[in-house]
Amino acid sequence: MANTRQAKKRVRQSENSRKHNTTLRSLYRTALKKVVNAVAASNKTAAAESYKAAVPVVDRMVSKGIIHKNKAARHKSRLSLRIKNMV
């Protein structure tokens, strides 16, 4: 357990940060799932629209430090490839 005042404050800050980051990570994952579900349903227009909505969310998570920029690029690339390869 934290003994000093600054250590106790750091514990409080870490907990608040963890909760905030969890919310942001959930938003990020939901945006990706919408694209994946639209692709699975073979709905190209819905997939394209949900992809357009997901890209800014992914980029925002990079700027906030929730995910790494290479991970964001990988997800965007793979999702766009799945949309392009839809029949």
PDB file of N, CA and C in Angstrom:
ATOM      1  N   MET A   1       0.840  -1.188   0.000  1.00  0.00           N
ATOM      2  CA  MET A   1       0.000   0.000   0.000  1.00  0.00           C
ATOM      3  C   MET A   1       0.882   1.248   0.000  1.00  0.00           C
ATOM      4  N   ALA A   2       0.383   2.304  -0.577  1.00  0.00           N
ATOM      5  CA  ALA A   2       1.136   3.552  -0.644  1.00  0.00           C
ATOM      6  C   ALA A   2       1.252   4.176   0.745  1.00  0.00           C
ATOM      7  N   ASN A   3       2.437   4.636   1.051  1.00  0.00           N
ATOM      8  CA  ASN A   3       2.686   5.206   2.373  1.00  0.00           C
ATOM      9  C   ASN A   3       2.716   6.729   2.361  1.00  0.00           C
ATOM     10  N   THR A   4       3.337   7.321   1.346  1.00  0.00           N
ATOM     11  CA  THR A   4       3.472   8.772   1.330  1.00  0.00           C
ATOM     12  C   THR A   4       2.264   9.414   0.663  1.00  0.00           C
ATOM     13  N   ARG A   5       2.120  10.718   0.889  1.00  0.00           N
ATOM     14  CA  ARG A   5       1.006  11.456   0.283  1.00  0.00           C
ATOM     15  C   ARG A   5       1.093  11.409  -1.226  1.00  0.00           C
ATOM     16  N   GLN A   6       2.307  11.591  -1.772  1.00  0.00           N
ATOM     17  CA  GLN A   6       2.445  11.610  -3.225  1.00  0.00           C
ATOM     18  C   GLN A   6       2.172  10.238  -3.824  1.00  0.00           C
ATOM     19  N   ALA A   7       2.509   9.171  -3.091  1.00  0.00           N
ATOM     20  CA  ALA A   7       2.238   7.823  -3.589  1.00  0.00           C
ATOM     21  C   ALA A   7       0.735   7.552  -3.581  1.00  0.00           C
ATOM     22  N   LYS A   8       0.054   8.038  -2.552  1.00  0.00           N
ATOM     23  CA  LYS A   8      -1.408   7.860  -2.489  1.00  0.00           C
ATOM     24  C   LYS A   8      -2.082   8.634  -3.617  1.00  0.00           C
ATOM     25  N   LYS A   9      -1.596   9.838  -3.886  1.00  0.00           N
ATOM     26  CA  LYS A   9      -2.151  10.636  -4.984  1.00  0.00           C
ATOM     27  C   LYS A   9      -1.908   9.935  -6.310  1.00  0.00           C
ATOM     28  N   ARG A  10      -0.728   9.366  -6.485  1.00  0.00           N
ATOM     29  CA  ARG A  10      -0.403   8.667  -7.730  1.00  0.00           C
ATOM     30  C   ARG A  10      -1.325   7.470  -7.940  1.00  0.00           C
ATOM     31  N   VAL A  11      -1.674   6.783  -6.854  1.00  0.00           N
ATOM     32  CA  VAL A  11      -2.607   5.653  -6.946  1.00  0.00           C
ATOM     33  C   VAL A  11      -3.967   6.141  -7.427  1.00  0.00           C
ATOM     34  N   ARG A  12      -4.427   7.279  -6.859  1.00  0.00           N
ATOM     35  CA  ARG A  12      -5.719   7.841  -7.291  1.00  0.00           C
ATOM     36  C   ARG A  12      -5.675   8.238  -8.764  1.00  0.00           C
ATOM     37  N   GLN A  13      -4.597   8.902  -9.160  1.00  0.00           N
ATOM     38  CA  GLN A  13      -4.468   9.343 -10.552  1.00  0.00           C
ATOM     39  C   GLN A  13      -4.422   8.151 -11.503  1.00  0.00           C
ATOM     40  N   SER A  14      -3.704   7.125 -11.116  1.00  0.00           N
ATOM     41  CA  SER A  14      -3.584   5.939 -11.967  1.00  0.00           C
ATOM     42  C   SER A  14      -4.937   5.269 -12.159  1.00  0.00           C
ATOM     43  N   GLU A  15      -5.716   5.207 -11.095  1.00  0.00           N
ATOM     44  CA  GLU A  15      -7.041   4.581 -11.183  1.00  0.00           C
ATOM     45  C   GLU A  15      -7.958   5.371 -12.111  1.00  0.00           C
ATOM     46  N   ASN A  16      -7.939   6.701 -11.977  1.00  0.00           N
ATOM     47  CA  ASN A  16      -8.769   7.531 -12.857  1.00  0.00           C
ATOM     48  C   ASN A  16      -8.316   7.404 -14.306  1.00  0.00           C
ATOM     49  N   SER A  17      -7.028   7.372 -14.519  1.00  0.00           N
ATOM     50  CA  SER A  17      -6.487   7.225 -15.865  1.00  0.00           C
ATOM     51  C   SER A  17      -6.873   5.876 -16.461  1.00  0.00           C
ATOM     52  N   ARG A  18      -6.802   4.832 -15.649  1.00  0.00           N
ATOM     53  CA  ARG A  18      -7.169   3.489 -16.116  1.00  0.00           C
ATOM     54  C   ARG A  18      -8.631   3.441 -16.555  1.00  0.00           C
ATOM     55  N   LYS A  19      -9.515   4.039 -15.761  1.00  0.00           N
ATOM     56  CA  LYS A  19     -10.941   4.065 -16.118  1.00  0.00           C
ATOM     57  C   LYS A  19     -11.172   4.832 -17.416  1.00  0.00           C
ATOM     58  N   HIS A  20     -10.499   5.959 -17.552  1.00  0.00           N
ATOM     59  CA  HIS A  20     -10.647   6.782 -18.753  1.00  0.00           C
ATOM     60  C   HIS A  20     -10.141   6.032 -19.988  1.00  0.00           C
ATOM     61  N   ASN A  21      -8.977   5.403 -19.851  1.00  0.00           N
ATOM     62  CA  ASN A  21      -8.405   4.659 -20.968  1.00  0.00           C
ATOM     63  C   ASN A  21      -9.252   3.459 -21.343  1.00  0.00           C
ATOM     64  N   THR A  22      -9.888   2.833 -20.359  1.00  0.00           N
ATOM     65  CA  THR A  22     -10.773   1.697 -20.627  1.00  0.00           C
ATOM     66  C   THR A  22     -11.954   2.138 -21.486  1.00  0.00           C
ATOM     67  N   THR A  23     -12.502   3.299 -21.171  1.00  0.00           N
ATOM     68  CA  THR A  23     -13.616   3.843 -21.958  1.00  0.00           C
ATOM     69  C   THR A  23     -13.185   4.108 -23.392  1.00  0.00           C
ATOM     70  N   LEU A  24     -12.020   4.714 -23.547  1.00  0.00           N
ATOM     71  CA  LEU A  24     -11.528   5.021 -24.890  1.00  0.00           C
ATOM     72  C   LEU A  24     -11.229   3.752 -25.675  1.00  0.00           C
ATOM     73  N   ARG A  25     -10.648   2.761 -25.014  1.00  0.00           N
ATOM     74  CA  ARG A  25     -10.327   1.503 -25.686  1.00  0.00           C
ATOM     75  C   ARG A  25     -11.614   0.793 -26.138  1.00  0.00           C
ATOM     76  N   SER A  26     -12.657   0.893 -25.326  1.00  0.00           N
ATOM     77  CA  SER A  26     -13.948   0.303 -25.680  1.00  0.00           C
ATOM     78  C   SER A  26     -14.529   0.992 -26.913  1.00  0.00           C
ATOM     79  N   LEU A  27     -14.432   2.308 -26.968  1.00  0.00           N
ATOM     80  CA  LEU A  27     -14.903   3.077 -28.123  1.00  0.00           C
ATOM     81  C   LEU A  27     -14.171   2.647 -29.388  1.00  0.00           C
ATOM     82  N   TYR A  28     -12.865   2.465 -29.261  1.00  0.00           N
ATOM     83  CA  TYR A  28     -12.006   2.038 -30.369  1.00  0.00           C
ATOM     84  C   TYR A  28     -12.410   0.653 -30.869  1.00  0.00           C
ATOM     85  N   ARG A  29     -12.577  -0.276 -29.951  1.00  0.00           N
ATOM     86  CA  ARG A  29     -12.919  -1.644 -30.336  1.00  0.00           C
ATOM     87  C   ARG A  29     -14.309  -1.723 -30.953  1.00  0.00           C
ATOM     88  N   THR A  30     -15.233  -0.918 -30.452  1.00  0.00           N
ATOM     89  CA  THR A  30     -16.585  -0.901 -30.997  1.00  0.00           C
ATOM     90  C   THR A  30     -16.583  -0.400 -32.436  1.00  0.00           C
ATOM     91  N   ALA A  31     -15.777   0.620 -32.700  1.00  0.00           N
ATOM     92  CA  ALA A  31     -15.686   1.162 -34.060  1.00  0.00           C
ATOM     93  C   ALA A  31     -15.148   0.112 -35.020  1.00  0.00           C
ATOM     94  N   LEU A  32     -14.151  -0.650 -34.583  1.00  0.00           N
ATOM     95  CA  LEU A  32     -13.593  -1.701 -35.435  1.00  0.00           C
ATOM     96  C   LEU A  32     -14.601  -2.823 -35.651  1.00  0.00           C
ATOM     97  N   LYS A  33     -15.336  -3.184 -34.598  1.00  0.00           N
ATOM     98  CA  LYS A  33     -16.300  -4.271 -34.710  1.00  0.00           C
ATOM     99  C   LYS A  33     -17.435  -3.926 -35.669  1.00  0.00           C
ATOM    100  N   LYS A  34     -17.811  -2.660 -35.724  1.00  0.00           N
ATOM    101  CA  LYS A  34     -18.871  -2.255 -36.652  1.00  0.00           C
ATOM    102  C   LYS A  34     -18.441  -2.514 -38.091  1.00  0.00           C
ATOM    103  N   VAL A  35     -17.185  -2.241 -38.394  1.00  0.00           N
ATOM    104  CA  VAL A  35     -16.674  -2.488 -39.741  1.00  0.00           C
ATOM    105  C   VAL A  35     -16.625  -3.988 -40.011  1.00  0.00           C
ATOM    106  N   VAL A  36     -16.100  -4.738 -39.075  1.00  0.00           N
ATOM    107  CA  VAL A  36     -15.970  -6.190 -39.245  1.00  0.00           C
ATOM    108  C   VAL A  36     -17.341  -6.840 -39.412  1.00  0.00           C
ATOM    109  N   ASN A  37     -18.318  -6.405 -38.635  1.00  0.00           N
ATOM    110  CA  ASN A  37     -19.668  -6.968 -38.741  1.00  0.00           C
ATOM    111  C   ASN A  37     -20.319  -6.628 -40.068  1.00  0.00           C
ATOM    112  N   ALA A  38     -20.087  -5.422 -40.576  1.00  0.00           N
ATOM    113  CA  ALA A  38     -20.637  -5.040 -41.874  1.00  0.00           C
ATOM    114  C   ALA A  38     -19.992  -5.857 -42.987  1.00  0.00           C
ATOM    115  N   VAL A  39     -18.693  -6.125 -42.869  1.00  0.00           N
ATOM    116  CA  VAL A  39     -18.008  -6.961 -43.858  1.00  0.00           C
ATOM    117  C   VAL A  39     -18.548  -8.378 -43.797  1.00  0.00           C
ATOM    118  N   ALA A  40     -18.756  -8.888 -42.588  1.00  0.00           N
ATOM    119  CA  ALA A  40     -19.273 -10.248 -42.423  1.00  0.00           C
ATOM    120  C   ALA A  40     -20.683 -10.374 -42.988  1.00  0.00           C
ATOM    121  N   ALA A  41     -21.448  -9.288 -42.936  1.00  0.00           N
ATOM    122  CA  ALA A  41     -22.805  -9.293 -43.466  1.00  0.00           C
ATOM    123  C   ALA A  41     -22.830  -9.036 -44.969  1.00  0.00           C
ATOM    124  N   SER A  42     -21.664  -8.874 -45.575  1.00  0.00           N
ATOM    125  CA  SER A  42     -21.524  -8.609 -47.016  1.00  0.00           C
ATOM    126  C   SER A  42     -22.248  -7.348 -47.452  1.00  0.00           C
ATOM    127  N   ASN A  43     -22.250  -6.357 -46.608  1.00  0.00           N
ATOM    128  CA  ASN A  43     -22.875  -5.080 -46.913  1.00  0.00           C
ATOM    129  C   ASN A  43     -21.762  -4.063 -47.169  1.00  0.00           C
ATOM    130  N   LYS A  44     -21.421  -3.896 -48.443  1.00  0.00           N
ATOM    131  CA  LYS A  44     -20.258  -3.079 -48.790  1.00  0.00           C
ATOM    132  C   LYS A  44     -20.464  -1.603 -48.473  1.00  0.00           C
ATOM    133  N   THR A  45     -21.648  -1.081 -48.689  1.00  0.00           N
ATOM    134  CA  THR A  45     -21.880   0.337 -48.413  1.00  0.00           C
ATOM    135  C   THR A  45     -21.806   0.617 -46.912  1.00  0.00           C
ATOM    136  N   ALA A  46     -22.417  -0.257 -46.122  1.00  0.00           N
ATOM    137  CA  ALA A  46     -22.360  -0.077 -44.669  1.00  0.00           C
ATOM    138  C   ALA A  46     -20.927  -0.242 -44.156  1.00  0.00           C
ATOM    139  N   ALA A  47     -20.194  -1.170 -44.757  1.00  0.00           N
ATOM    140  CA  ALA A  47     -18.804  -1.390 -44.355  1.00  0.00           C
ATOM    141  C   ALA A  47     -17.960  -0.151 -44.668  1.00  0.00           C
ATOM    142  N   ALA A  48     -18.174   0.423 -45.842  1.00  0.00           N
ATOM    143  CA  ALA A  48     -17.411   1.606 -46.233  1.00  0.00           C
ATOM    144  C   ALA A  48     -17.737   2.795 -45.323  1.00  0.00           C
ATOM    145  N   GLU A  49     -19.010   2.954 -44.999  1.00  0.00           N
ATOM    146  CA  GLU A  49     -19.402   4.059 -44.135  1.00  0.00           C
ATOM    147  C   GLU A  49     -18.882   3.881 -42.713  1.00  0.00           C
ATOM    148  N   SER A  50     -18.961   2.667 -42.202  1.00  0.00           N
ATOM    149  CA  SER A  50     -18.462   2.430 -40.852  1.00  0.00           C
ATOM    150  C   SER A  50     -16.937   2.540 -40.811  1.00  0.00           C
ATOM    151  N   TYR A  51     -16.280   2.218 -41.928  1.00  0.00           N
ATOM    152  CA  TYR A  51     -14.827   2.389 -42.005  1.00  0.00           C
ATOM    153  C   TYR A  51     -14.468   3.867 -41.957  1.00  0.00           C
ATOM    154  N   LYS A  52     -15.226   4.685 -42.695  1.00  0.00           N
ATOM    155  CA  LYS A  52     -14.985   6.130 -42.682  1.00  0.00           C
ATOM    156  C   LYS A  52     -15.193   6.712 -41.284  1.00  0.00           C
ATOM    157  N   ALA A  53     -16.137   6.151 -40.530  1.00  0.00           N
ATOM    158  CA  ALA A  53     -16.371   6.616 -39.165  1.00  0.00           C
ATOM    159  C   ALA A  53     -15.306   6.096 -38.208  1.00  0.00           C
ATOM    160  N   ALA A  54     -14.749   4.930 -38.506  1.00  0.00           N
ATOM    161  CA  ALA A  54     -13.778   4.311 -37.604  1.00  0.00           C
ATOM    162  C   ALA A  54     -12.389   4.929 -37.719  1.00  0.00           C
ATOM    163  N   VAL A  55     -12.017   5.399 -38.903  1.00  0.00           N
ATOM    164  CA  VAL A  55     -10.660   5.929 -39.106  1.00  0.00           C
ATOM    165  C   VAL A  55     -10.347   7.101 -38.174  1.00  0.00           C
ATOM    166  N   PRO A  56     -11.217   8.094 -38.027  1.00  0.00           N
ATOM    167  CA  PRO A  56     -10.903   9.175 -37.090  1.00  0.00           C
ATOM    168  C   PRO A  56     -10.814   8.698 -35.638  1.00  0.00           C
ATOM    169  N   VAL A  57     -11.617   7.711 -35.287  1.00  0.00           N
ATOM    170  CA  VAL A  57     -11.569   7.165 -33.924  1.00  0.00           C
ATOM    171  C   VAL A  57     -10.219   6.511 -33.676  1.00  0.00           C
ATOM    172  N   VAL A  58      -9.766   5.731 -34.649  1.00  0.00           N
ATOM    173  CA  VAL A  58      -8.469   5.058 -34.528  1.00  0.00           C
ATOM    174  C   VAL A  58      -7.347   6.093 -34.424  1.00  0.00           C
ATOM    175  N   ASP A  59      -7.394   7.115 -35.263  1.00  0.00           N
ATOM    176  CA  ASP A  59      -6.362   8.151 -35.236  1.00  0.00           C
ATOM    177  C   ASP A  59      -6.365   8.919 -33.911  1.00  0.00           C
ATOM    178  N   ARG A  60      -7.558   9.135 -33.365  1.00  0.00           N
ATOM    179  CA  ARG A  60      -7.664   9.830 -32.085  1.00  0.00           C
ATOM    180  C   ARG A  60      -7.031   9.004 -30.963  1.00  0.00           C
ATOM    181  N   MET A  61      -7.200   7.688 -31.025  1.00  0.00           N
ATOM    182  CA  MET A  61      -6.608   6.828 -30.001  1.00  0.00           C
ATOM    183  C   MET A  61      -5.084   6.850 -30.078  1.00  0.00           C
ATOM    184  N   VAL A  62      -4.553   7.008 -31.287  1.00  0.00           N
ATOM    185  CA  VAL A  62      -3.099   7.129 -31.437  1.00  0.00           C
ATOM    186  C   VAL A  62      -2.617   8.423 -30.791  1.00  0.00           C
ATOM    187  N   SER A  63      -3.318   9.512 -31.054  1.00  0.00           N
ATOM    188  CA  SER A  63      -2.885  10.799 -30.516  1.00  0.00           C
ATOM    189  C   SER A  63      -2.997  10.844 -28.996  1.00  0.00           C
ATOM    190  N   LYS A  64      -3.905  10.055 -28.430  1.00  0.00           N
ATOM    191  CA  LYS A  64      -4.059  10.010 -26.974  1.00  0.00           C
ATOM    192  C   LYS A  64      -3.144   8.982 -26.323  1.00  0.00           C
ATOM    193  N   GLY A  65      -2.443   8.207 -27.135  1.00  0.00           N
ATOM    194  CA  GLY A  65      -1.514   7.237 -26.588  1.00  0.00           C
ATOM    195  C   GLY A  65      -2.151   5.939 -26.158  1.00  0.00           C
ATOM    196  N   ILE A  66      -3.368   5.678 -26.599  1.00  0.00           N
ATOM    197  CA  ILE A  66      -4.058   4.446 -26.223  1.00  0.00           C
ATOM    198  C   ILE A  66      -3.480   3.270 -27.012  1.00  0.00           C
ATOM    199  N   ILE A  67      -3.212   3.484 -28.294  1.00  0.00           N
ATOM    200  CA  ILE A  67      -2.600   2.444 -29.126  1.00  0.00           C
ATOM    201  C   ILE A  67      -1.402   3.047 -29.862  1.00  0.00           C
ATOM    202  N   HIS A  68      -0.549   2.181 -30.358  1.00  0.00           N
ATOM    203  CA  HIS A  68       0.636   2.608 -31.098  1.00  0.00           C
ATOM    204  C   HIS A  68       0.246   2.945 -32.530  1.00  0.00           C
ATOM    205  N   LYS A  69       0.978   3.852 -33.157  1.00  0.00           N
ATOM    206  CA  LYS A  69       0.637   4.289 -34.510  1.00  0.00           C
ATOM    207  C   LYS A  69       0.755   3.155 -35.522  1.00  0.00           C
ATOM    208  N   ASN A  70       1.689   2.235 -35.312  1.00  0.00           N
ATOM    209  CA  ASN A  70       1.822   1.111 -36.236  1.00  0.00           C
ATOM    210  C   ASN A  70       0.632   0.151 -36.127  1.00  0.00           C
ATOM    211  N   LYS A  71       0.117  -0.022 -34.927  1.00  0.00           N
ATOM    212  CA  LYS A  71      -1.059  -0.867 -34.731  1.00  0.00           C
ATOM    213  C   LYS A  71      -2.265  -0.241 -35.428  1.00  0.00           C
ATOM    214  N   ALA A  72      -2.384   1.067 -35.319  1.00  0.00           N
ATOM    215  CA  ALA A  72      -3.486   1.770 -35.977  1.00  0.00           C
ATOM    216  C   ALA A  72      -3.381   1.616 -37.488  1.00  0.00           C
ATOM    217  N   ALA A  73      -2.185   1.787 -38.020  1.00  0.00           N
ATOM    218  CA  ALA A  73      -1.982   1.653 -39.459  1.00  0.00           C
ATOM    219  C   ALA A  73      -2.292   0.233 -39.917  1.00  0.00           C
ATOM    220  N   ARG A  74      -1.893  -0.748 -39.120  1.00  0.00           N
ATOM    221  CA  ARG A  74      -2.159  -2.141 -39.461  1.00  0.00           C
ATOM    222  C   ARG A  74      -3.655  -2.429 -39.498  1.00  0.00           C
ATOM    223  N   HIS A  75      -4.389  -1.939 -38.500  1.00  0.00           N
ATOM    224  CA  HIS A  75      -5.837  -2.157 -38.465  1.00  0.00           C
ATOM    225  C   HIS A  75      -6.524  -1.474 -39.643  1.00  0.00           C
ATOM    226  N   LYS A  76      -6.158  -0.220 -39.911  1.00  0.00           N
ATOM    227  CA  LYS A  76      -6.787   0.500 -41.019  1.00  0.00           C
ATOM    228  C   LYS A  76      -6.488  -0.181 -42.344  1.00  0.00           C
ATOM    229  N   SER A  77      -5.279  -0.645 -42.513  1.00  0.00           N
ATOM    230  CA  SER A  77      -4.887  -1.306 -43.754  1.00  0.00           C
ATOM    231  C   SER A  77      -5.661  -2.606 -43.956  1.00  0.00           C
ATOM    232  N   ARG A  78      -5.734  -3.408 -42.906  1.00  0.00           N
ATOM    233  CA  ARG A  78      -6.419  -4.692 -43.022  1.00  0.00           C
ATOM    234  C   ARG A  78      -7.918  -4.535 -43.231  1.00  0.00           C
ATOM    235  N   LEU A  79      -8.506  -3.544 -42.565  1.00  0.00           N
ATOM    236  CA  LEU A  79      -9.940  -3.313 -42.748  1.00  0.00           C
ATOM    237  C   LEU A  79     -10.244  -2.825 -44.160  1.00  0.00           C
ATOM    238  N   SER A  80      -9.423  -1.923 -44.673  1.00  0.00           N
ATOM    239  CA  SER A  80      -9.667  -1.406 -46.022  1.00  0.00           C
ATOM    240  C   SER A  80      -9.470  -2.521 -47.051  1.00  0.00           C
ATOM    241  N   LEU A  81      -8.517  -3.396 -46.801  1.00  0.00           N
ATOM    242  CA  LEU A  81      -8.289  -4.524 -47.700  1.00  0.00           C
ATOM    243  C   LEU A  81      -9.484  -5.475 -47.697  1.00  0.00           C
ATOM    244  N   ARG A  82     -10.053  -5.710 -46.521  1.00  0.00           N
ATOM    245  CA  ARG A  82     -11.232  -6.580 -46.438  1.00  0.00           C
ATOM    246  C   ARG A  82     -12.422  -5.970 -47.172  1.00  0.00           C
ATOM    247  N   ILE A  83     -12.558  -4.651 -47.094  1.00  0.00           N
ATOM    248  CA  ILE A  83     -13.662  -3.984 -47.787  1.00  0.00           C
ATOM    249  C   ILE A  83     -13.443  -4.046 -49.297  1.00  0.00           C
ATOM    250  N   LYS A  84     -12.209  -3.835 -49.751  1.00  0.00           N
ATOM    251  CA  LYS A  84     -11.917  -3.876 -51.177  1.00  0.00           C
ATOM    252  C   LYS A  84     -12.113  -5.259 -51.772  1.00  0.00           C
ATOM    253  N   ASN A  85     -11.856  -6.292 -50.984  1.00  0.00           N
ATOM    254  CA  ASN A  85     -11.967  -7.659 -51.474  1.00  0.00           C
ATOM    255  C   ASN A  85     -13.362  -8.250 -51.361  1.00  0.00           C
ATOM    256  N   MET A  86     -14.318  -7.432 -50.913  1.00  0.00           N
ATOM    257  CA  MET A  86     -15.694  -7.930 -50.808  1.00  0.00           C
ATOM    258  C   MET A  86     -16.257  -8.174 -52.196  1.00  0.00           C
ATOM    259  N   VAL A  87     -17.058  -9.221 -52.295  1.00  0.00           N
ATOM    260  CA  VAL A  87     -17.671  -9.585 -53.591  1.00  0.00           C
ATOM    261  C   VAL A  87     -19.054  -8.980 -53.688  1.00  0.00           C
TER     262      VAL A  87
END
